[in-house]
């Protein structure tokens, strides 16, 4: 990353889990497990991609 670009956190920035927080600055717009994610998937007719962690 260049010095003139700011990292913008995704929705995981508000989570308490250390695993989720380590992904809060990923360029992916992750959603925590919850109704908001399922509503968006249904509205956009897209599947839900679920990560169960690896650490």
C-alpha atoms as a PDB file:
ATOM      1  CA  UNK A   1       0.000   0.000   0.000  1.00  0.00           C
ATOM      2  CA  UNK A   2       1.261   3.473  -0.794  1.00  0.00           C
ATOM      3  CA  UNK A   3       1.569   6.123   1.888  1.00  0.00           C
ATOM      4  CA  UNK A   4      -1.129   8.343   0.380  1.00  0.00           C
ATOM      5  CA  UNK A   5      -3.909   5.734   0.553  1.00  0.00           C
ATOM      6  CA  UNK A   6      -5.942   5.278   3.731  1.00  0.00           C
ATOM      7  CA  UNK A   7      -7.228   1.910   4.747  1.00  0.00           C
ATOM      8  CA  UNK A   8     -10.982   1.916   5.240  1.00  0.00           C
ATOM      9  CA  UNK A   9     -12.396  -0.718   7.574  1.00  0.00           C
ATOM     10  CA  UNK A  10     -15.270  -2.981   6.594  1.00  0.00           C
ATOM     11  CA  UNK A  11     -18.227  -3.979   8.811  1.00  0.00           C
ATOM     12  CA  UNK A  12     -16.061  -6.279  10.921  1.00  0.00           C
ATOM     13  CA  UNK A  13     -14.447  -3.287  12.657  1.00  0.00           C
ATOM     14  CA  UNK A  14     -17.290  -3.274  15.213  1.00  0.00           C
ATOM     15  CA  UNK A  15     -16.965  -6.952  16.130  1.00  0.00           C
ATOM     16  CA  UNK A  16     -15.426  -8.254  19.369  1.00  0.00           C
ATOM     17  CA  UNK A  17     -13.904 -11.461  18.017  1.00  0.00           C
ATOM     18  CA  UNK A  18     -10.116 -11.233  17.530  1.00  0.00           C
ATOM     19  CA  UNK A  19     -10.482 -13.438  14.425  1.00  0.00           C
ATOM     20  CA  UNK A  20     -13.020 -11.097  12.834  1.00  0.00           C
ATOM     21  CA  UNK A  21     -11.076  -7.981  13.805  1.00  0.00           C
ATOM     22  CA  UNK A  22      -7.958  -9.207  12.023  1.00  0.00           C
ATOM     23  CA  UNK A  23      -9.987  -9.023   8.795  1.00  0.00           C
ATOM     24  CA  UNK A  24     -11.533  -5.603   9.430  1.00  0.00           C
ATOM     25  CA  UNK A  25      -9.182  -3.906   6.950  1.00  0.00           C
ATOM     26  CA  UNK A  26      -9.457  -6.480   4.166  1.00  0.00           C
ATOM     27  CA  UNK A  27     -10.564  -5.015   0.833  1.00  0.00           C
ATOM     28  CA  UNK A  28     -13.499  -7.456   0.960  1.00  0.00           C
ATOM     29  CA  UNK A  29     -16.739  -6.006   2.318  1.00  0.00           C
ATOM     30  CA  UNK A  30     -17.325  -8.792   4.820  1.00  0.00           C
ATOM     31  CA  UNK A  31     -20.523  -8.943   6.840  1.00  0.00           C
ATOM     32  CA  UNK A  32     -20.659 -10.488  10.291  1.00  0.00           C
ATOM     33  CA  UNK A  33     -23.097 -13.394  10.689  1.00  0.00           C
ATOM     34  CA  UNK A  34     -26.554 -11.885  10.862  1.00  0.00           C
ATOM     35  CA  UNK A  35     -29.750 -10.876   9.172  1.00  0.00           C
ATOM     36  CA  UNK A  36     -28.196  -7.986   7.231  1.00  0.00           C
ATOM     37  CA  UNK A  37     -25.968 -10.381   5.269  1.00  0.00           C
ATOM     38  CA  UNK A  38     -28.828 -12.732   4.428  1.00  0.00           C
ATOM     39  CA  UNK A  39     -31.145  -9.902   3.397  1.00  0.00           C
ATOM     40  CA  UNK A  40     -28.496  -8.487   1.056  1.00  0.00           C
ATOM     41  CA  UNK A  41     -27.834 -11.911  -0.491  1.00  0.00           C
ATOM     42  CA  UNK A  42     -31.539 -12.468  -1.057  1.00  0.00           C
ATOM     43  CA  UNK A  43     -32.083  -8.971  -2.453  1.00  0.00           C
ATOM     44  CA  UNK A  44     -29.176  -9.377  -4.889  1.00  0.00           C
ATOM     45  CA  UNK A  45     -29.950 -13.048  -5.629  1.00  0.00           C
ATOM     46  CA  UNK A  46     -26.418 -14.086  -4.610  1.00  0.00           C
ATOM     47  CA  UNK A  47     -25.136 -16.978  -2.512  1.00  0.00           C
ATOM     48  CA  UNK A  48     -23.700 -16.457   0.970  1.00  0.00           C
ATOM     49  CA  UNK A  49     -19.986 -17.144   1.215  1.00  0.00           C
ATOM     50  CA  UNK A  50     -19.246 -18.399   4.722  1.00  0.00           C
ATOM     51  CA  UNK A  51     -15.831 -18.361   6.323  1.00  0.00           C
ATOM     52  CA  UNK A  52     -15.534 -20.498   9.452  1.00  0.00           C
ATOM     53  CA  UNK A  53     -12.026 -19.338  10.244  1.00  0.00           C
ATOM     54  CA  UNK A  54      -8.650 -20.961  10.165  1.00  0.00           C
ATOM     55  CA  UNK A  55      -6.649 -19.562  13.069  1.00  0.00           C
END
